[in-house]
Amino acid sequence: MNTRPKAQNAARKKKPRPLKSRRPRRPSLSNEELLDKALDLFSQHGYERTSVETITATAGMAKRTVYLRFGDKKALFIAALQRAIERWRVPIERLREAERDGLEESLLAIGQILVDNLLSPAGQQLLRLTNAESGRMPEIGEYTVQEGTGRTLAYLADLFRRHFQPDKIEMSEADDAAEAFLHLIVGGPANAAAWGVVRDKAVIDRRIRFSVRLFLHGLMAQFADAAPADATALKDECLRLKRLVSQTIKQLDKAREHLAHAGTSGRLAGTLT
């Protein structure tokens, strides 16, 4: 009995199964994108309260992928901070471009750049996060100083040595001046903002100018013999203003005496009449 036609008919009736369409995989985030998302979460919740599970859920990644890339949560946290610091810090070339002929104008421009940078959202985020976590992770503070503050301090010290006679200002004194400048001009507004104190930009700019002049006054007193021409002119202007204020006070005292005498004479005249 020939069964070939039946087999052929069965083969024709049997339809091929449609291929199942695979769901397209979500593209994996780059290391930089993952670090940015992790930094936002660490900033919002702190290091201890931010889990790897939360980071991977937000990033849409598997925990295994994150651990393969960074090892553990601490390594991920430090990498996120390092990336943020490298993106946030002011390039030294930009500070050099802000220099002017006079030291005061140079420091005003440089101080404005540094204050604006620290008051930016990225600056405030880093300031709060590093202050909160550097106690448990000293390497964070060390990296911030080395890659951020340290470079700025070295530049400022070099600026002071260029504006004063090299044989009149020691290397350590230039370093001390640089640190004092950062604390006085930059540290105040930045710390106030980190504590939640909101100030108008006009107020901040006025205080920067006042602080720069106060800083220069102390610097000139320390290195009077090494003062450059513009600093000497500023010192002379300060002396001129002091003399002018003294003369004005004397004139006001004489005016008060004259008014008091005039008032007494008027009362006497009224009594006689």
C-alpha atoms as a PDB file:
ATOM      1  CA  MET A   1       0.000   0.000   0.000  1.00  0.00           C
ATOM      2  CA  ASN A   2       1.430   3.348  -1.039  1.00  0.00           C
ATOM      3  CA  THR A   3       1.337   5.912   1.813  1.00  0.00           C
ATOM      4  CA  ARG A   4       3.484   8.570   0.089  1.00  0.00           C
ATOM      5  CA  PRO A   5       0.559  10.771  -1.079  1.00  0.00           C
ATOM      6  CA  LYS A   6      -0.889  10.847   2.454  1.00  0.00           C
ATOM      7  CA  ALA A   7       2.459  11.863   3.900  1.00  0.00           C
ATOM      8  CA  GLN A   8       2.846  14.568   1.293  1.00  0.00           C
ATOM      9  CA  ASN A   9      -0.630  15.906   2.024  1.00  0.00           C
ATOM     10  CA  ALA A  10       0.117  15.964   5.769  1.00  0.00           C
ATOM     11  CA  ALA A  11       3.339  17.878   5.142  1.00  0.00           C
ATOM     12  CA  ARG A  12       1.491  20.412   3.041  1.00  0.00           C
ATOM     13  CA  LYS A  13      -1.197  20.885   5.691  1.00  0.00           C
ATOM     14  CA  LYS A  14       1.377  21.416   8.489  1.00  0.00           C
ATOM     15  CA  LYS A  15       2.203  25.127   8.630  1.00  0.00           C
ATOM     16  CA  PRO A  16       5.560  26.344   9.858  1.00  0.00           C
ATOM     17  CA  ARG A  17       5.533  27.958  13.309  1.00  0.00           C
ATOM     18  CA  PRO A  18       6.058  31.710  13.225  1.00  0.00           C
ATOM     19  CA  LEU A  19       9.319  32.845  14.771  1.00  0.00           C
ATOM     20  CA  LYS A  20       8.906  34.599  18.101  1.00  0.00           C
ATOM     21  CA  SER A  21      10.023  38.216  17.916  1.00  0.00           C
ATOM     22  CA  ARG A  22      12.600  39.009  20.573  1.00  0.00           C
ATOM     23  CA  ARG A  23      12.060  42.087  22.679  1.00  0.00           C
ATOM     24  CA  PRO A  24      14.787  44.613  21.848  1.00  0.00           C
ATOM     25  CA  ARG A  25      17.226  45.022  24.699  1.00  0.00           C
ATOM     26  CA  ARG A  26      17.422  48.363  26.433  1.00  0.00           C
ATOM     27  CA  PRO A  27      20.731  49.979  25.510  1.00  0.00           C
ATOM     28  CA  SER A  28      23.107  49.855  28.450  1.00  0.00           C
ATOM     29  CA  LEU A  29      24.177  53.161  29.975  1.00  0.00           C
ATOM     30  CA  SER A  30      27.735  54.280  29.537  1.00  0.00           C
ATOM     31  CA  ASN A  31      29.956  54.526  32.614  1.00  0.00           C
ATOM     32  CA  GLU A  32      29.606  58.306  32.562  1.00  0.00           C
ATOM     33  CA  GLU A  33      25.804  58.183  32.465  1.00  0.00           C
ATOM     34  CA  LEU A  34      25.712  55.625  35.265  1.00  0.00           C
ATOM     35  CA  LEU A  35      28.033  57.746  37.419  1.00  0.00           C
ATOM     36  CA  ASP A  36      25.877  60.839  36.892  1.00  0.00           C
ATOM     37  CA  LYS A  37      22.726  58.998  37.995  1.00  0.00           C
ATOM     38  CA  ALA A  38      24.540  57.513  40.980  1.00  0.00           C
ATOM     39  CA  LEU A  39      25.839  60.937  42.052  1.00  0.00           C
ATOM     40  CA  ASP A  40      22.318  62.398  41.997  1.00  0.00           C
ATOM     41  CA  LEU A  41      21.053  59.571  44.213  1.00  0.00           C
ATOM     42  CA  PHE A  42      23.991  59.831  46.628  1.00  0.00           C
ATOM     43  CA  SER A  43      23.383  63.584  46.875  1.00  0.00           C
ATOM     44  CA  GLN A  44      19.668  63.158  47.573  1.00  0.00           C
ATOM     45  CA  HIS A  45      19.843  60.306  50.082  1.00  0.00           C
ATOM     46  CA  GLY A  46      23.431  60.152  51.316  1.00  0.00           C
ATOM     47  CA  TYR A  47      25.902  57.315  50.942  1.00  0.00           C
ATOM     48  CA  GLU A  48      24.488  54.996  53.599  1.00  0.00           C
ATOM     49  CA  ARG A  49      20.857  55.256  52.475  1.00  0.00           C
ATOM     50  CA  THR A  50      21.606  54.781  48.781  1.00  0.00           C
ATOM     51  CA  SER A  51      21.732  51.112  47.828  1.00  0.00           C
ATOM     52  CA  VAL A  52      23.105  49.539  44.692  1.00  0.00           C
ATOM     53  CA  GLU A  53      19.588  48.182  44.087  1.00  0.00           C
ATOM     54  CA  THR A  54      18.229  51.742  43.992  1.00  0.00           C
ATOM     55  CA  ILE A  55      20.951  52.839  41.589  1.00  0.00           C
ATOM     56  CA  THR A  56      20.446  49.910  39.235  1.00  0.00           C
ATOM     57  CA  ALA A  57      16.656  50.353  39.280  1.00  0.00           C
ATOM     58  CA  THR A  58      17.011  54.035  38.406  1.00  0.00           C
ATOM     59  CA  ALA A  59      19.592  53.323  35.727  1.00  0.00           C
ATOM     60  CA  GLY A  60      17.700  50.344  34.314  1.00  0.00           C
ATOM     61  CA  MET A  61      20.707  48.067  34.665  1.00  0.00           C
ATOM     62  CA  ALA A  62      21.425  44.722  36.250  1.00  0.00           C
ATOM     63  CA  LYS A  63      23.335  44.664  39.542  1.00  0.00           C
ATOM     64  CA  ARG A  64      25.785  42.238  37.968  1.00  0.00           C
ATOM     65  CA  THR A  65      26.698  44.838  35.313  1.00  0.00           C
ATOM     66  CA  VAL A  66      27.373  47.513  37.929  1.00  0.00           C
ATOM     67  CA  TYR A  67      29.511  45.177  40.042  1.00  0.00           C
ATOM     68  CA  LEU A  68      31.471  44.078  36.968  1.00  0.00           C
ATOM     69  CA  ARG A  69      32.222  47.698  36.108  1.00  0.00           C
ATOM     70  CA  PHE A  70      33.022  49.128  39.540  1.00  0.00           C
ATOM     71  CA  GLY A  71      33.393  46.292  42.028  1.00  0.00           C
ATOM     72  CA  ASP A  72      31.309  47.611  44.934  1.00  0.00           C
ATOM     73  CA  LYS A  73      29.245  50.574  46.128  1.00  0.00           C
ATOM     74  CA  LYS A  74      32.172  52.466  47.636  1.00  0.00           C
ATOM     75  CA  ALA A  75      34.172  52.276  44.418  1.00  0.00           C
ATOM     76  CA  LEU A  76      31.120  53.460  42.493  1.00  0.00           C
ATOM     77  CA  PHE A  77      30.652  56.382  44.904  1.00  0.00           C
ATOM     78  CA  ILE A  78      34.281  57.494  44.678  1.00  0.00           C
ATOM     79  CA  ALA A  79      34.259  57.213  40.877  1.00  0.00           C
ATOM     80  CA  ALA A  80      31.092  59.333  40.714  1.00  0.00           C
ATOM     81  CA  LEU A  81      32.659  62.008  42.921  1.00  0.00           C
ATOM     82  CA  GLN A  82      35.895  62.041  40.950  1.00  0.00           C
ATOM     83  CA  ARG A  83      34.015  62.512  37.700  1.00  0.00           C
ATOM     84  CA  ALA A  84      31.961  65.350  39.220  1.00  0.00           C
ATOM     85  CA  ILE A  85      35.074  67.119  40.550  1.00  0.00           C
ATOM     86  CA  GLU A  86      36.868  66.867  37.213  1.00  0.00           C
ATOM     87  CA  ARG A  87      33.868  68.359  35.401  1.00  0.00           C
ATOM     88  CA  TRP A  88      33.250  71.088  37.993  1.00  0.00           C
ATOM     89  CA  ARG A  89      36.702  72.493  38.747  1.00  0.00           C
ATOM     90  CA  VAL A  90      37.746  75.747  37.043  1.00  0.00           C
ATOM     91  CA  PRO A  91      40.575  75.258  34.530  1.00  0.00           C
ATOM     92  CA  ILE A  92      43.695  77.197  35.494  1.00  0.00           C
ATOM     93  CA  GLU A  93      43.828  78.566  31.953  1.00  0.00           C
ATOM     94  CA  ARG A  94      40.527  80.337  32.565  1.00  0.00           C
ATOM     95  CA  LEU A  95      41.899  81.988  35.713  1.00  0.00           C
ATOM     96  CA  ARG A  96      45.005  83.145  33.843  1.00  0.00           C
ATOM     97  CA  GLU A  97      42.808  84.664  31.145  1.00  0.00           C
ATOM     98  CA  ALA A  98      40.994  86.679  33.824  1.00  0.00           C
ATOM     99  CA  GLU A  99      44.188  88.400  35.007  1.00  0.00           C
ATOM    100  CA  ARG A 100      44.451  92.180  34.571  1.00  0.00           C
ATOM    101  CA  ASP A 101      47.325  94.644  34.794  1.00  0.00           C
ATOM    102  CA  GLY A 102      46.562  95.481  38.414  1.00  0.00           C
ATOM    103  CA  LEU A 103      46.529  92.929  41.220  1.00  0.00           C
ATOM    104  CA  GLU A 104      43.260  94.184  42.691  1.00  0.00           C
ATOM    105  CA  GLU A 105      41.354  93.884  39.418  1.00  0.00           C
ATOM    106  CA  SER A 106      42.895  90.462  38.818  1.00  0.00           C
ATOM    107  CA  LEU A 107      41.801  89.211  42.238  1.00  0.00           C
ATOM    108  CA  LEU A 108      38.318  90.655  41.776  1.00  0.00           C
ATOM    109  CA  ALA A 109      37.865  88.799  38.477  1.00  0.00           C
ATOM    110  CA  ILE A 110      39.360  85.563  39.820  1.00  0.00           C
ATOM    111  CA  GLY A 111      37.338  85.745  43.029  1.00  0.00           C
ATOM    112  CA  GLN A 112      34.135  86.258  41.048  1.00  0.00           C
ATOM    113  CA  ILE A 113      34.831  83.197  38.887  1.00  0.00           C
ATOM    114  CA  LEU A 114      35.587  80.973  41.885  1.00  0.00           C
ATOM    115  CA  VAL A 115      32.579  82.158  43.903  1.00  0.00           C
ATOM    116  CA  ASP A 116      30.194  81.710  40.962  1.00  0.00           C
ATOM    117  CA  ASN A 117      31.573  78.216  40.429  1.00  0.00           C
ATOM    118  CA  LEU A 118      31.044  77.202  44.053  1.00  0.00           C
ATOM    119  CA  LEU A 119      27.565  78.731  44.146  1.00  0.00           C
ATOM    120  CA  SER A 120      26.488  76.824  41.036  1.00  0.00           C
ATOM    121  CA  PRO A 121      24.184  73.804  41.560  1.00  0.00           C
ATOM    122  CA  ALA A 122      27.064  71.435  40.778  1.00  0.00           C
ATOM    123  CA  GLY A 123      29.321  73.248  43.237  1.00  0.00           C
ATOM    124  CA  GLN A 124      26.779  73.174  46.043  1.00  0.00           C
ATOM    125  CA  GLN A 125      26.037  69.503  45.372  1.00  0.00           C
ATOM    126  CA  LEU A 126      29.716  68.614  45.654  1.00  0.00           C
ATOM    127  CA  LEU A 127      30.279  70.799  48.708  1.00  0.00           C
ATOM    128  CA  ARG A 128      27.439  69.212  50.675  1.00  0.00           C
ATOM    129  CA  LEU A 129      28.318  65.672  49.616  1.00  0.00           C
ATOM    130  CA  THR A 130      32.060  65.895  50.307  1.00  0.00           C
ATOM    131  CA  ASN A 131      31.464  67.593  53.660  1.00  0.00           C
ATOM    132  CA  ALA A 132      29.011  64.865  54.661  1.00  0.00           C
ATOM    133  CA  GLU A 133      31.082  61.855  53.608  1.00  0.00           C
ATOM    134  CA  SER A 134      34.768  62.844  53.825  1.00  0.00           C
ATOM    135  CA  GLY A 135      34.799  62.000  57.535  1.00  0.00           C
ATOM    136  CA  ARG A 136      34.202  58.307  56.837  1.00  0.00           C
ATOM    137  CA  MET A 137      36.236  58.345  53.600  1.00  0.00           C
ATOM    138  CA  PRO A 138      39.349  60.537  54.015  1.00  0.00           C
ATOM    139  CA  GLU A 139      40.397  59.739  50.456  1.00  0.00           C
ATOM    140  CA  ILE A 140      37.502  61.890  49.241  1.00  0.00           C
ATOM    141  CA  GLY A 141      38.858  64.979  50.980  1.00  0.00           C
ATOM    142  CA  GLU A 142      42.378  64.223  49.797  1.00  0.00           C
ATOM    143  CA  TYR A 143      41.257  63.891  46.187  1.00  0.00           C
ATOM    144  CA  THR A 144      39.178  67.101  46.391  1.00  0.00           C
ATOM    145  CA  VAL A 145      42.160  69.056  47.722  1.00  0.00           C
ATOM    146  CA  GLN A 146      44.612  67.523  45.276  1.00  0.00           C
ATOM    147  CA  GLU A 147      42.536  67.849  42.108  1.00  0.00           C
ATOM    148  CA  GLY A 148      40.380  70.856  42.965  1.00  0.00           C
ATOM    149  CA  THR A 149      41.502  73.213  45.714  1.00  0.00           C
ATOM    150  CA  GLY A 150      45.190  72.294  45.461  1.00  0.00           C
ATOM    151  CA  ARG A 151      45.527  73.389  41.848  1.00  0.00           C
ATOM    152  CA  THR A 152      43.822  76.709  42.565  1.00  0.00           C
ATOM    153  CA  LEU A 153      46.054  77.338  45.586  1.00  0.00           C
ATOM    154  CA  ALA A 154      49.182  76.661  43.520  1.00  0.00           C
ATOM    155  CA  TYR A 155      48.001  79.089  40.840  1.00  0.00           C
ATOM    156  CA  LEU A 156      47.219  81.845  43.386  1.00  0.00           C
ATOM    157  CA  ALA A 157      50.586  81.436  45.096  1.00  0.00           C
ATOM    158  CA  ASP A 158      52.295  81.794  41.725  1.00  0.00           C
ATOM    159  CA  LEU A 159      50.194  84.907  41.000  1.00  0.00           C
ATOM    160  CA  PHE A 160      51.352  86.561  44.222  1.00  0.00           C
ATOM    161  CA  ARG A 161      54.992  85.733  43.533  1.00  0.00           C
ATOM    162  CA  ARG A 162      54.677  87.270  40.068  1.00  0.00           C
ATOM    163  CA  HIS A 163      53.223  90.499  41.464  1.00  0.00           C
ATOM    164  CA  PHE A 164      55.704  90.886  44.320  1.00  0.00           C
ATOM    165  CA  GLN A 165      59.476  90.845  44.253  1.00  0.00           C
ATOM    166  CA  PRO A 166      60.566  87.190  44.467  1.00  0.00           C
ATOM    167  CA  ASP A 167      63.303  87.968  46.975  1.00  0.00           C
ATOM    168  CA  LYS A 168      60.820  89.702  49.277  1.00  0.00           C
ATOM    169  CA  ILE A 169      58.157  86.999  49.532  1.00  0.00           C
ATOM    170  CA  GLU A 170      58.943  83.462  50.652  1.00  0.00           C
ATOM    171  CA  MET A 171      57.373  80.419  49.024  1.00  0.00           C
ATOM    172  CA  SER A 172      55.539  79.540  52.246  1.00  0.00           C
ATOM    173  CA  GLU A 173      54.241  83.109  52.580  1.00  0.00           C
ATOM    174  CA  ALA A 174      52.825  83.008  49.052  1.00  0.00           C
ATOM    175  CA  ASP A 175      51.127  79.698  49.914  1.00  0.00           C
ATOM    176  CA  ASP A 176      49.672  81.212  53.090  1.00  0.00           C
ATOM    177  CA  ALA A 177      48.396  84.219  51.138  1.00  0.00           C
ATOM    178  CA  ALA A 178      46.715  81.927  48.595  1.00  0.00           C
ATOM    179  CA  GLU A 179      44.940  79.958  51.315  1.00  0.00           C
ATOM    180  CA  ALA A 180      43.855  83.149  53.094  1.00  0.00           C
ATOM    181  CA  PHE A 181      42.419  84.475  49.827  1.00  0.00           C
ATOM    182  CA  LEU A 182      40.344  81.352  49.260  1.00  0.00           C
ATOM    183  CA  HIS A 183      39.016  81.311  52.829  1.00  0.00           C
ATOM    184  CA  LEU A 184      38.173  85.025  52.929  1.00  0.00           C
ATOM    185  CA  ILE A 185      36.824  85.661  49.445  1.00  0.00           C
ATOM    186  CA  VAL A 186      35.466  82.261  48.327  1.00  0.00           C
ATOM    187  CA  GLY A 187      34.796  80.290  51.504  1.00  0.00           C
ATOM    188  CA  GLY A 188      32.331  82.717  53.089  1.00  0.00           C
ATOM    189  CA  PRO A 189      29.713  82.893  50.300  1.00  0.00           C
ATOM    190  CA  ALA A 190      30.069  79.182  49.523  1.00  0.00           C
ATOM    191  CA  ASN A 191      29.576  78.054  53.122  1.00  0.00           C
ATOM    192  CA  ALA A 192      26.651  80.431  53.644  1.00  0.00           C
ATOM    193  CA  ALA A 193      24.902  79.008  50.579  1.00  0.00           C
ATOM    194  CA  ALA A 194      25.593  75.446  51.746  1.00  0.00           C
ATOM    195  CA  TRP A 195      23.881  76.325  55.055  1.00  0.00           C
ATOM    196  CA  GLY A 196      20.834  77.558  53.160  1.00  0.00           C
ATOM    197  CA  VAL A 197      21.514  81.309  53.353  1.00  0.00           C
ATOM    198  CA  VAL A 198      20.300  82.892  50.107  1.00  0.00           C
ATOM    199  CA  ARG A 199      21.831  86.243  49.173  1.00  0.00           C
ATOM    200  CA  ASP A 200      21.202  88.547  46.249  1.00  0.00           C
ATOM    201  CA  LYS A 201      23.955  88.565  43.610  1.00  0.00           C
ATOM    202  CA  ALA A 202      24.491  92.295  44.098  1.00  0.00           C
ATOM    203  CA  VAL A 203      25.160  91.677  47.800  1.00  0.00           C
ATOM    204  CA  ILE A 204      27.586  88.855  47.004  1.00  0.00           C
ATOM    205  CA  ASP A 205      29.452  90.988  44.449  1.00  0.00           C
ATOM    206  CA  ARG A 206      29.726  93.873  46.918  1.00  0.00           C
ATOM    207  CA  ARG A 207      31.142  91.602  49.604  1.00  0.00           C
ATOM    208  CA  ILE A 208      33.625  90.078  47.171  1.00  0.00           C
ATOM    209  CA  ARG A 209      34.942  93.552  46.344  1.00  0.00           C
ATOM    210  CA  PHE A 210      35.119  94.506  50.028  1.00  0.00           C
ATOM    211  CA  SER A 211      36.886  91.245  50.929  1.00  0.00           C
ATOM    212  CA  VAL A 212      39.435  91.631  48.127  1.00  0.00           C
ATOM    213  CA  ARG A 213      40.322  95.139  49.314  1.00  0.00           C
ATOM    214  CA  LEU A 214      40.530  93.961  52.911  1.00  0.00           C
ATOM    215  CA  PHE A 215      42.791  91.098  51.826  1.00  0.00           C
ATOM    216  CA  LEU A 216      45.038  93.412  49.808  1.00  0.00           C
ATOM    217  CA  HIS A 217      45.302  95.857  52.718  1.00  0.00           C
ATOM    218  CA  GLY A 218      46.654  93.092  54.948  1.00  0.00           C
ATOM    219  CA  LEU A 219      48.890  91.755  52.188  1.00  0.00           C
ATOM    220  CA  MET A 220      50.448  95.158  51.583  1.00  0.00           C
ATOM    221  CA  ALA A 221      51.045  95.642  55.284  1.00  0.00           C
ATOM    222  CA  GLN A 222      52.855  92.297  55.343  1.00  0.00           C
ATOM    223  CA  PHE A 223      54.951  92.945  52.242  1.00  0.00           C
ATOM    224  CA  ALA A 224      55.232  96.728  52.136  1.00  0.00           C
ATOM    225  CA  ASP A 225      58.760  96.667  50.697  1.00  0.00           C
ATOM    226  CA  ALA A 226      57.743  94.204  48.014  1.00  0.00           C
ATOM    227  CA  ALA A 227      54.621  96.053  46.907  1.00  0.00           C
ATOM    228  CA  PRO A 228      54.331  96.552  43.139  1.00  0.00           C
ATOM    229  CA  ALA A 229      53.447  99.884  41.602  1.00  0.00           C
ATOM    230  CA  ASP A 230      49.680  99.308  41.590  1.00  0.00           C
ATOM    231  CA  ALA A 231      49.743  98.177  45.231  1.00  0.00           C
ATOM    232  CA  THR A 232      51.759 101.259  46.227  1.00  0.00           C
ATOM    233  CA  ALA A 233      49.237 103.458  44.463  1.00  0.00           C
ATOM    234  CA  LEU A 234      46.428 101.720  46.328  1.00  0.00           C
ATOM    235  CA  LYS A 235      48.219 102.270  49.625  1.00  0.00           C
ATOM    236  CA  ASP A 236      48.647 105.969  48.831  1.00  0.00           C
ATOM    237  CA  GLU A 237      44.960 106.187  47.982  1.00  0.00           C
ATOM    238  CA  CYS A 238      44.065 104.599  51.329  1.00  0.00           C
ATOM    239  CA  LEU A 239      46.171 107.181  53.162  1.00  0.00           C
ATOM    240  CA  ARG A 240      44.566 109.991  51.167  1.00  0.00           C
ATOM    241  CA  LEU A 241      41.096 108.709  52.048  1.00  0.00           C
ATOM    242  CA  LYS A 242      42.016 108.477  55.727  1.00  0.00           C
ATOM    243  CA  ARG A 243      43.188 112.114  55.709  1.00  0.00           C
ATOM    244  CA  LEU A 244      40.019 113.149  53.903  1.00  0.00           C
ATOM    245  CA  VAL A 245      37.847 111.354  56.466  1.00  0.00           C
ATOM    246  CA  SER A 246      39.768 113.020  59.310  1.00  0.00           C
ATOM    247  CA  GLN A 247      39.301 116.461  57.768  1.00  0.00           C
ATOM    248  CA  THR A 248      35.601 115.798  57.185  1.00  0.00           C
ATOM    249  CA  ILE A 249      35.107 114.786  60.824  1.00  0.00           C
ATOM    250  CA  LYS A 250      36.778 118.008  61.982  1.00  0.00           C
ATOM    251  CA  GLN A 251      34.550 120.064  59.681  1.00  0.00           C
ATOM    252  CA  LEU A 252      31.451 118.294  61.018  1.00  0.00           C
ATOM    253  CA  ASP A 253      32.522 119.037  64.589  1.00  0.00           C
ATOM    254  CA  LYS A 254      32.927 122.732  63.726  1.00  0.00           C
ATOM    255  CA  ALA A 255      29.520 122.719  62.024  1.00  0.00           C
ATOM    256  CA  ARG A 256      27.922 121.208  65.135  1.00  0.00           C
ATOM    257  CA  GLU A 257      29.550 123.859  67.344  1.00  0.00           C
ATOM    258  CA  HIS A 258      28.321 126.583  65.006  1.00  0.00           C
ATOM    259  CA  LEU A 259      24.765 125.223  65.031  1.00  0.00           C
ATOM    260  CA  ALA A 260      24.806 124.880  68.803  1.00  0.00           C
ATOM    261  CA  HIS A 261      26.061 128.458  69.181  1.00  0.00           C
ATOM    262  CA  ALA A 262      23.433 129.723  66.747  1.00  0.00           C
ATOM    263  CA  GLY A 263      20.699 127.925  68.690  1.00  0.00           C
ATOM    264  CA  THR A 264      21.862 129.442  71.981  1.00  0.00           C
ATOM    265  CA  SER A 265      21.967 132.951  70.494  1.00  0.00           C
ATOM    266  CA  GLY A 266      18.441 132.529  69.117  1.00  0.00           C
ATOM    267  CA  ARG A 267      17.085 131.486  72.493  1.00  0.00           C
ATOM    268  CA  LEU A 268      18.770 134.502  74.178  1.00  0.00           C
ATOM    269  CA  ALA A 269      17.347 136.888  71.587  1.00  0.00           C
ATOM    270  CA  GLY A 270      13.868 135.477  72.140  1.00  0.00           C
ATOM    271  CA  THR A 271      14.215 135.965  75.905  1.00  0.00           C
ATOM    272  CA  LEU A 272      15.261 139.619  75.523  1.00  0.00           C
ATOM    273  CA  THR A 273      12.356 140.442  73.291  1.00  0.00           C
END
